[in-house]
């Protein structure tokens, strides 16, 4: 459950899709985001969960823009950019 007010920051992604990034209006903490092209998906920031073990990564995306020092798990699938939508 989310309590309190969130603020919406709208931007246009490299793909041309409009993105909505919502964050805590008081502290600026990123909470969740969604793309207008995928209205059925809401991306919740894992760090916002009370139980940090509730979710685990299943893929690393945008590896082409990762800095040289990024720790990328070799056991997970990767995509150099944004993977295509699931049908």
PDB file of N, CA and C in Angstrom:
ATOM      1  N   UNK A   1       0.843  -1.171   0.000  1.00  0.00           N
ATOM      2  CA  UNK A   1       0.000   0.000   0.000  1.00  0.00           C
ATOM      3  C   UNK A   1       0.891   1.239   0.000  1.00  0.00           C
ATOM      4  N   UNK A   2       0.535   2.193  -0.818  1.00  0.00           N
ATOM      5  CA  UNK A   2       1.255   3.463  -0.871  1.00  0.00           C
ATOM      6  C   UNK A   2       0.413   4.502  -0.161  1.00  0.00           C
ATOM      7  N   UNK A   3       1.039   5.207   0.764  1.00  0.00           N
ATOM      8  CA  UNK A   3       0.328   6.290   1.432  1.00  0.00           C
ATOM      9  C   UNK A   3       1.075   7.586   1.138  1.00  0.00           C
ATOM     10  N   UNK A   4       0.374   8.681   1.110  1.00  0.00           N
ATOM     11  CA  UNK A   4       0.997   9.959   0.803  1.00  0.00           C
ATOM     12  C   UNK A   4       0.876  10.293  -0.666  1.00  0.00           C
ATOM     13  N   UNK A   5       1.305  11.465  -0.994  1.00  0.00           N
ATOM     14  CA  UNK A   5       1.166  11.985  -2.354  1.00  0.00           C
ATOM     15  C   UNK A   5       2.388  11.643  -3.197  1.00  0.00           C
ATOM     16  N   UNK A   6       2.149  11.290  -4.446  1.00  0.00           N
ATOM     17  CA  UNK A   6       3.234  11.102  -5.397  1.00  0.00           C
ATOM     18  C   UNK A   6       3.135  12.197  -6.457  1.00  0.00           C
ATOM     19  N   UNK A   7       4.264  12.498  -7.064  1.00  0.00           N
ATOM     20  CA  UNK A   7       4.328  13.482  -8.132  1.00  0.00           C
ATOM     21  C   UNK A   7       4.708  12.764  -9.412  1.00  0.00           C
ATOM     22  N   UNK A   8       4.136  13.179 -10.520  1.00  0.00           N
ATOM     23  CA  UNK A   8       4.353  12.555 -11.825  1.00  0.00           C
ATOM     24  C   UNK A   8       5.297  13.410 -12.646  1.00  0.00           C
ATOM     25  N   UNK A   9       6.380  12.802 -13.129  1.00  0.00           N
ATOM     26  CA  UNK A   9       7.299  13.462 -14.043  1.00  0.00           C
ATOM     27  C   UNK A   9       7.137  12.780 -15.390  1.00  0.00           C
ATOM     28  N   UNK A  10       6.753  13.527 -16.414  1.00  0.00           N
ATOM     29  CA  UNK A  10       6.517  12.976 -17.749  1.00  0.00           C
ATOM     30  C   UNK A  10       7.711  13.333 -18.637  1.00  0.00           C
ATOM     31  N   UNK A  11       8.207  12.329 -19.361  1.00  0.00           N
ATOM     32  CA  UNK A  11       9.298  12.552 -20.303  1.00  0.00           C
ATOM     33  C   UNK A  11       9.067  11.683 -21.535  1.00  0.00           C
ATOM     34  N   UNK A  12       9.816  11.958 -22.578  1.00  0.00           N
ATOM     35  CA  UNK A  12       9.731  11.169 -23.801  1.00  0.00           C
ATOM     36  C   UNK A  12      11.000  10.329 -23.898  1.00  0.00           C
ATOM     37  N   UNK A  13      10.829   9.022 -23.985  1.00  0.00           N
ATOM     38  CA  UNK A  13      11.956   8.088 -24.072  1.00  0.00           C
ATOM     39  C   UNK A  13      12.587   8.143 -25.457  1.00  0.00           C
ATOM     40  N   UNK A  14      13.755   7.532 -25.580  1.00  0.00           N
ATOM     41  CA  UNK A  14      14.453   7.463 -26.859  1.00  0.00           C
ATOM     42  C   UNK A  14      13.570   6.846 -27.947  1.00  0.00           C
ATOM     43  N   UNK A  15      12.683   5.943 -27.547  1.00  0.00           N
ATOM     44  CA  UNK A  15      11.780   5.266 -28.480  1.00  0.00           C
ATOM     45  C   UNK A  15      10.652   6.172 -28.969  1.00  0.00           C
ATOM     46  N   UNK A  16      10.465   7.308 -28.297  1.00  0.00           N
ATOM     47  CA  UNK A  16       9.354   8.192 -28.619  1.00  0.00           C
ATOM     48  C   UNK A  16       8.159   8.000 -27.697  1.00  0.00           C
ATOM     49  N   UNK A  17       8.204   6.978 -26.851  1.00  0.00           N
ATOM     50  CA  UNK A  17       7.114   6.716 -25.908  1.00  0.00           C
ATOM     51  C   UNK A  17       7.139   7.728 -24.769  1.00  0.00           C
ATOM     52  N   UNK A  18       5.956   8.147 -24.357  1.00  0.00           N
ATOM     53  CA  UNK A  18       5.841   9.019 -23.187  1.00  0.00           C
ATOM     54  C   UNK A  18       5.913   8.149 -21.941  1.00  0.00           C
ATOM     55  N   UNK A  19       6.784   8.536 -21.026  1.00  0.00           N
ATOM     56  CA  UNK A  19       7.012   7.818 -19.772  1.00  0.00           C
ATOM     57  C   UNK A  19       6.502   8.650 -18.611  1.00  0.00           C
ATOM     58  N   UNK A  20       5.928   7.972 -17.634  1.00  0.00           N
ATOM     59  CA  UNK A  20       5.497   8.613 -16.396  1.00  0.00           C
ATOM     60  C   UNK A  20       6.328   8.020 -15.280  1.00  0.00           C
ATOM     61  N   UNK A  21       7.059   8.872 -14.589  1.00  0.00           N
ATOM     62  CA  UNK A  21       7.845   8.431 -13.442  1.00  0.00           C
ATOM     63  C   UNK A  21       7.258   9.105 -12.210  1.00  0.00           C
ATOM     64  N   UNK A  22       6.829   8.290 -11.269  1.00  0.00           N
ATOM     65  CA  UNK A  22       6.187   8.830 -10.073  1.00  0.00           C
ATOM     66  C   UNK A  22       7.112   8.676  -8.881  1.00  0.00           C
ATOM     67  N   UNK A  23       7.167   9.714  -8.082  1.00  0.00           N
ATOM     68  CA  UNK A  23       8.069   9.731  -6.951  1.00  0.00           C
ATOM     69  C   UNK A  23       7.415  10.409  -5.757  1.00  0.00           C
ATOM     70  N   UNK A  24       7.978  10.193  -4.579  1.00  0.00           N
ATOM     71  CA  UNK A  24       7.472  10.776  -3.341  1.00  0.00           C
ATOM     72  C   UNK A  24       7.615  12.293  -3.425  1.00  0.00           C
ATOM     73  N   UNK A  25       6.511  12.997  -3.229  1.00  0.00           N
ATOM     74  CA  UNK A  25       6.524  14.455  -3.310  1.00  0.00           C
ATOM     75  C   UNK A  25       7.334  15.099  -2.196  1.00  0.00           C
ATOM     76  N   UNK A  26       7.478  14.418  -1.073  1.00  0.00           N
ATOM     77  CA  UNK A  26       8.210  14.982   0.065  1.00  0.00           C
ATOM     78  C   UNK A  26       9.710  14.745  -0.042  1.00  0.00           C
ATOM     79  N   UNK A  27      10.117  13.509  -0.342  1.00  0.00           N
ATOM     80  CA  UNK A  27      11.532  13.151  -0.311  1.00  0.00           C
ATOM     81  C   UNK A  27      12.159  12.937  -1.684  1.00  0.00           C
ATOM     82  N   UNK A  28      11.358  12.860  -2.729  1.00  0.00           N
ATOM     83  CA  UNK A  28      11.890  12.666  -4.074  1.00  0.00           C
ATOM     84  C   UNK A  28      12.264  11.240  -4.397  1.00  0.00           C
ATOM     85  N   UNK A  29      11.889  10.292  -3.559  1.00  0.00           N
ATOM     86  CA  UNK A  29      12.224   8.883  -3.774  1.00  0.00           C
ATOM     87  C   UNK A  29      11.453   8.332  -4.967  1.00  0.00           C
ATOM     88  N   UNK A  30      12.151   7.743  -5.976  1.00  0.00           N
ATOM     89  CA  UNK A  30      11.441   7.116  -7.093  1.00  0.00           C
ATOM     90  C   UNK A  30      10.576   5.961  -6.575  1.00  0.00           C
ATOM     91  N   UNK A  31       9.318   5.901  -7.006  1.00  0.00           N
ATOM     92  CA  UNK A  31       8.393   4.868  -6.528  1.00  0.00           C
ATOM     93  C   UNK A  31       8.033   3.881  -7.643  1.00  0.00           C
ATOM     94  N   UNK A  32       7.521   4.383  -8.749  1.00  0.00           N
ATOM     95  CA  UNK A  32       7.142   3.506  -9.848  1.00  0.00           C
ATOM     96  C   UNK A  32       7.084   4.299 -11.139  1.00  0.00           C
ATOM     97  N   UNK A  33       7.004   3.579 -12.256  1.00  0.00           N
ATOM     98  CA  UNK A  33       6.940   4.228 -13.564  1.00  0.00           C
ATOM     99  C   UNK A  33       6.089   3.393 -14.507  1.00  0.00           C
ATOM    100  N   UNK A  34       5.676   4.034 -15.575  1.00  0.00           N
ATOM    101  CA  UNK A  34       4.900   3.340 -16.610  1.00  0.00           C
ATOM    102  C   UNK A  34       5.065   4.061 -17.932  1.00  0.00           C
ATOM    103  N   UNK A  35       4.919   3.309 -19.007  1.00  0.00           N
ATOM    104  CA  UNK A  35       4.978   3.859 -20.362  1.00  0.00           C
ATOM    105  C   UNK A  35       3.565   3.904 -20.919  1.00  0.00           C
ATOM    106  N   UNK A  36       3.225   4.992 -21.597  1.00  0.00           N
ATOM    107  CA  UNK A  36       1.884   5.083 -22.183  1.00  0.00           C
ATOM    108  C   UNK A  36       1.663   3.992 -23.217  1.00  0.00           C
ATOM    109  N   UNK A  37       2.746   3.501 -23.836  1.00  0.00           N
ATOM    110  CA  UNK A  37       2.615   2.442 -24.842  1.00  0.00           C
ATOM    111  C   UNK A  37       2.325   1.077 -24.216  1.00  0.00           C
ATOM    112  N   UNK A  38       2.514   0.949 -22.903  1.00  0.00           N
ATOM    113  CA  UNK A  38       2.264  -0.306 -22.183  1.00  0.00           C
ATOM    114  C   UNK A  38       1.429  -0.007 -20.937  1.00  0.00           C
ATOM    115  N   UNK A  39       0.200   0.448 -21.123  1.00  0.00           N
ATOM    116  CA  UNK A  39      -0.610   0.866 -19.971  1.00  0.00           C
ATOM    117  C   UNK A  39      -0.930  -0.267 -18.993  1.00  0.00           C
ATOM    118  N   UNK A  40      -0.764  -1.509 -19.419  1.00  0.00           N
ATOM    119  CA  UNK A  40      -1.049  -2.658 -18.553  1.00  0.00           C
ATOM    120  C   UNK A  40       0.108  -2.983 -17.601  1.00  0.00           C
ATOM    121  N   UNK A  41       1.245  -2.273 -17.733  1.00  0.00           N
ATOM    122  CA  UNK A  41       2.402  -2.542 -16.889  1.00  0.00           C
ATOM    123  C   UNK A  41       2.739  -1.333 -16.019  1.00  0.00           C
ATOM    124  N   UNK A  42       3.003  -1.588 -14.760  1.00  0.00           N
ATOM    125  CA  UNK A  42       3.515  -0.567 -13.854  1.00  0.00           C
ATOM    126  C   UNK A  42       4.788  -1.136 -13.251  1.00  0.00           C
ATOM    127  N   UNK A  43       5.871  -0.406 -13.367  1.00  0.00           N
ATOM    128  CA  UNK A  43       7.159  -0.843 -12.856  1.00  0.00           C
ATOM    129  C   UNK A  43       7.368  -0.257 -11.470  1.00  0.00           C
ATOM    130  N   UNK A  44       7.371  -1.120 -10.470  1.00  0.00           N
ATOM    131  CA  UNK A  44       7.539  -0.703  -9.079  1.00  0.00           C
ATOM    132  C   UNK A  44       9.018  -0.832  -8.719  1.00  0.00           C
ATOM    133  N   UNK A  45       9.585   0.187  -8.146  1.00  0.00           N
ATOM    134  CA  UNK A  45      10.986   0.161  -7.723  1.00  0.00           C
ATOM    135  C   UNK A  45      11.139  -0.800  -6.546  1.00  0.00           C
ATOM    136  N   UNK A  46      11.982  -1.793  -6.706  1.00  0.00           N
ATOM    137  CA  UNK A  46      12.143  -2.842  -5.691  1.00  0.00           C
ATOM    138  C   UNK A  46      12.552  -2.269  -4.342  1.00  0.00           C
ATOM    139  N   UNK A  47      13.284  -1.196  -4.325  1.00  0.00           N
ATOM    140  CA  UNK A  47      13.723  -0.590  -3.082  1.00  0.00           C
ATOM    141  C   UNK A  47      12.611   0.020  -2.258  1.00  0.00           C
ATOM    142  N   UNK A  48      11.416   0.112  -2.821  1.00  0.00           N
ATOM    143  CA  UNK A  48      10.294   0.676  -2.073  1.00  0.00           C
ATOM    144  C   UNK A  48       9.573  -0.377  -1.233  1.00  0.00           C
ATOM    145  N   UNK A  49       9.879  -1.665  -1.440  1.00  0.00           N
ATOM    146  CA  UNK A  49       9.217  -2.722  -0.688  1.00  0.00           C
ATOM    147  C   UNK A  49       9.747  -2.806   0.737  1.00  0.00           C
ATOM    148  N   UNK A  50       8.874  -3.104   1.678  1.00  0.00           N
ATOM    149  CA  UNK A  50       9.292  -3.334   3.057  1.00  0.00           C
ATOM    150  C   UNK A  50      10.151  -4.591   3.149  1.00  0.00           C
ATOM    151  N   UNK A  51       9.783  -5.625   2.391  1.00  0.00           N
ATOM    152  CA  UNK A  51      10.526  -6.886   2.392  1.00  0.00           C
ATOM    153  C   UNK A  51      11.438  -6.902   1.168  1.00  0.00           C
ATOM    154  N   UNK A  52      12.719  -6.634   1.367  1.00  0.00           N
ATOM    155  CA  UNK A  52      13.648  -6.547   0.237  1.00  0.00           C
ATOM    156  C   UNK A  52      13.895  -7.894  -0.434  1.00  0.00           C
ATOM    157  N   UNK A  53      13.494  -8.989   0.199  1.00  0.00           N
ATOM    158  CA  UNK A  53      13.639 -10.315  -0.396  1.00  0.00           C
ATOM    159  C   UNK A  53      12.393 -10.737  -1.178  1.00  0.00           C
ATOM    160  N   UNK A  54      11.399  -9.861  -1.282  1.00  0.00           N
ATOM    161  CA  UNK A  54      10.141 -10.204  -1.949  1.00  0.00           C
ATOM    162  C   UNK A  54      10.304 -10.372  -3.465  1.00  0.00           C
ATOM    163  N   UNK A  55      11.287  -9.739  -4.036  1.00  0.00           N
ATOM    164  CA  UNK A  55      11.496  -9.805  -5.486  1.00  0.00           C
ATOM    165  C   UNK A  55      12.978 -10.047  -5.775  1.00  0.00           C
ATOM    166  N   UNK A  56      13.239 -10.615  -6.945  1.00  0.00           N
ATOM    167  CA  UNK A  56      14.607 -10.887  -7.370  1.00  0.00           C
ATOM    168  C   UNK A  56      14.731 -10.517  -8.852  1.00  0.00           C
ATOM    169  N   UNK A  57      15.884 -10.020  -9.269  1.00  0.00           N
ATOM    170  CA  UNK A  57      16.062  -9.675 -10.680  1.00  0.00           C
ATOM    171  C   UNK A  57      15.999 -10.914 -11.564  1.00  0.00           C
ATOM    172  N   UNK A  58      15.445 -10.746 -12.753  1.00  0.00           N
ATOM    173  CA  UNK A  58      15.377 -11.841 -13.716  1.00  0.00           C
ATOM    174  C   UNK A  58      16.081 -11.488 -15.025  1.00  0.00           C
ATOM    175  N   UNK A  59      16.485 -10.227 -15.189  1.00  0.00           N
ATOM    176  CA  UNK A  59      17.146  -9.792 -16.415  1.00  0.00           C
ATOM    177  C   UNK A  59      17.827  -8.456 -16.152  1.00  0.00           C
ATOM    178  N   UNK A  60      18.906  -8.190 -16.886  1.00  0.00           N
ATOM    179  CA  UNK A  60      19.564  -6.893 -16.832  1.00  0.00           C
ATOM    180  C   UNK A  60      19.401  -6.243 -18.204  1.00  0.00           C
ATOM    181  N   UNK A  61      18.807  -5.042 -18.217  1.00  0.00           N
ATOM    182  CA  UNK A  61      18.567  -4.359 -19.489  1.00  0.00           C
ATOM    183  C   UNK A  61      19.412  -3.081 -19.576  1.00  0.00           C
ATOM    184  N   UNK A  62      19.491  -2.539 -20.755  1.00  0.00           N
ATOM    185  CA  UNK A  62      20.253  -1.317 -21.051  1.00  0.00           C
ATOM    186  C   UNK A  62      21.735  -1.479 -20.704  1.00  0.00           C
ATOM    187  N   UNK A  63      22.272  -2.683 -20.933  1.00  0.00           N
ATOM    188  CA  UNK A  63      23.685  -2.915 -20.626  1.00  0.00           C
ATOM    189  C   UNK A  63      24.605  -2.095 -21.526  1.00  0.00           C
ATOM    190  N   UNK A  64      24.134  -1.675 -22.697  1.00  0.00           N
ATOM    191  CA  UNK A  64      24.972  -0.866 -23.593  1.00  0.00           C
ATOM    192  C   UNK A  64      25.278   0.500 -22.999  1.00  0.00           C
ATOM    193  N   UNK A  65      24.471   0.967 -22.058  1.00  0.00           N
ATOM    194  CA  UNK A  65      24.746   2.260 -21.421  1.00  0.00           C
ATOM    195  C   UNK A  65      25.293   2.119 -20.010  1.00  0.00           C
ATOM    196  N   UNK A  66      25.605   0.897 -19.610  1.00  0.00           N
ATOM    197  CA  UNK A  66      26.130   0.688 -18.257  1.00  0.00           C
ATOM    198  C   UNK A  66      27.566   1.208 -18.176  1.00  0.00           C
ATOM    199  N   UNK A  67      27.916   1.811 -17.042  1.00  0.00           N
ATOM    200  CA  UNK A  67      29.304   2.248 -16.879  1.00  0.00           C
ATOM    201  C   UNK A  67      30.231   1.045 -16.744  1.00  0.00           C
ATOM    202  N   UNK A  68      31.509   1.252 -16.967  1.00  0.00           N
ATOM    203  CA  UNK A  68      32.477   0.150 -16.931  1.00  0.00           C
ATOM    204  C   UNK A  68      32.522  -0.543 -15.572  1.00  0.00           C
ATOM    205  N   UNK A  69      32.155   0.158 -14.494  1.00  0.00           N
ATOM    206  CA  UNK A  69      32.225  -0.408 -13.153  1.00  0.00           C
ATOM    207  C   UNK A  69      30.937  -1.120 -12.715  1.00  0.00           C
ATOM    208  N   UNK A  70      29.916  -1.147 -13.580  1.00  0.00           N
ATOM    209  CA  UNK A  70      28.638  -1.773 -13.213  1.00  0.00           C
ATOM    210  C   UNK A  70      28.819  -3.261 -12.921  1.00  0.00           C
ATOM    211  N   UNK A  71      28.159  -3.731 -11.894  1.00  0.00           N
ATOM    212  CA  UNK A  71      28.192  -5.151 -11.524  1.00  0.00           C
ATOM    213  C   UNK A  71      26.995  -5.834 -12.185  1.00  0.00           C
ATOM    214  N   UNK A  72      27.234  -6.531 -13.272  1.00  0.00           N
ATOM    215  CA  UNK A  72      26.171  -7.197 -14.012  1.00  0.00           C
ATOM    216  C   UNK A  72      26.285  -8.697 -13.746  1.00  0.00           C
ATOM    217  N   UNK A  73      25.222  -9.278 -13.238  1.00  0.00           N
ATOM    218  CA  UNK A  73      25.198 -10.699 -12.877  1.00  0.00           C
ATOM    219  C   UNK A  73      25.287 -11.549 -14.146  1.00  0.00           C
ATOM    220  N   UNK A  74      26.357 -12.297 -14.287  1.00  0.00           N
ATOM    221  CA  UNK A  74      26.578 -13.132 -15.469  1.00  0.00           C
ATOM    222  C   UNK A  74      25.579 -14.281 -15.566  1.00  0.00           C
ATOM    223  N   UNK A  75      24.856 -14.578 -14.479  1.00  0.00           N
ATOM    224  CA  UNK A  75      23.879 -15.664 -14.484  1.00  0.00           C
ATOM    225  C   UNK A  75      22.510 -15.223 -15.000  1.00  0.00           C
ATOM    226  N   UNK A  76      22.317 -13.923 -15.209  1.00  0.00           N
ATOM    227  CA  UNK A  76      21.031 -13.416 -15.691  1.00  0.00           C
ATOM    228  C   UNK A  76      21.112 -13.071 -17.168  1.00  0.00           C
ATOM    229  N   UNK A  77      20.004 -13.242 -17.897  1.00  0.00           N
ATOM    230  CA  UNK A  77      19.996 -12.795 -19.287  1.00  0.00           C
ATOM    231  C   UNK A  77      20.165 -11.272 -19.338  1.00  0.00           C
ATOM    232  N   UNK A  78      20.735 -10.791 -20.436  1.00  0.00           N
ATOM    233  CA  UNK A  78      20.933  -9.356 -20.610  1.00  0.00           C
ATOM    234  C   UNK A  78      20.363  -8.909 -21.950  1.00  0.00           C
ATOM    235  N   UNK A  79      20.130  -7.623 -22.041  1.00  0.00           N
ATOM    236  CA  UNK A  79      19.729  -7.004 -23.307  1.00  0.00           C
ATOM    237  C   UNK A  79      20.455  -5.663 -23.368  1.00  0.00           C
ATOM    238  N   UNK A  80      21.102  -5.365 -24.485  1.00  0.00           N
ATOM    239  CA  UNK A  80      21.844  -4.115 -24.554  1.00  0.00           C
ATOM    240  C   UNK A  80      20.940  -2.871 -24.509  1.00  0.00           C
ATOM    241  N   UNK A  81      19.690  -3.045 -24.809  1.00  0.00           N
ATOM    242  CA  UNK A  81      18.740  -1.927 -24.797  1.00  0.00           C
ATOM    243  C   UNK A  81      17.467  -2.359 -24.081  1.00  0.00           C
ATOM    244  N   UNK A  82      16.338  -1.897 -24.566  1.00  0.00           N
ATOM    245  CA  UNK A  82      15.031  -2.272 -24.016  1.00  0.00           C
ATOM    246  C   UNK A  82      14.507  -3.464 -24.798  1.00  0.00           C
ATOM    247  N   UNK A  83      14.199  -4.581 -24.147  1.00  0.00           N
ATOM    248  CA  UNK A  83      13.666  -5.719 -24.905  1.00  0.00           C
ATOM    249  C   UNK A  83      12.288  -5.396 -25.481  1.00  0.00           C
ATOM    250  N   UNK A  84      11.920  -6.061 -26.565  1.00  0.00           N
ATOM    251  CA  UNK A  84      10.600  -5.819 -27.147  1.00  0.00           C
ATOM    252  C   UNK A  84       9.499  -6.245 -26.204  1.00  0.00           C
ATOM    253  N   UNK A  85       8.316  -5.652 -26.348  1.00  0.00           N
ATOM    254  CA  UNK A  85       7.202  -6.033 -25.475  1.00  0.00           C
ATOM    255  C   UNK A  85       6.835  -7.510 -25.639  1.00  0.00           C
ATOM    256  N   UNK A  86       6.409  -8.096 -24.548  1.00  0.00           N
ATOM    257  CA  UNK A  86       5.914  -9.472 -24.578  1.00  0.00           C
ATOM    258  C   UNK A  86       4.518  -9.435 -25.200  1.00  0.00           C
ATOM    259  N   UNK A  87       4.268 -10.352 -26.099  1.00  0.00           N
ATOM    260  CA  UNK A  87       2.968 -10.364 -26.814  1.00  0.00           C
ATOM    261  C   UNK A  87       1.788 -10.566 -25.899  1.00  0.00           C
TER     262      UNK A  87
END
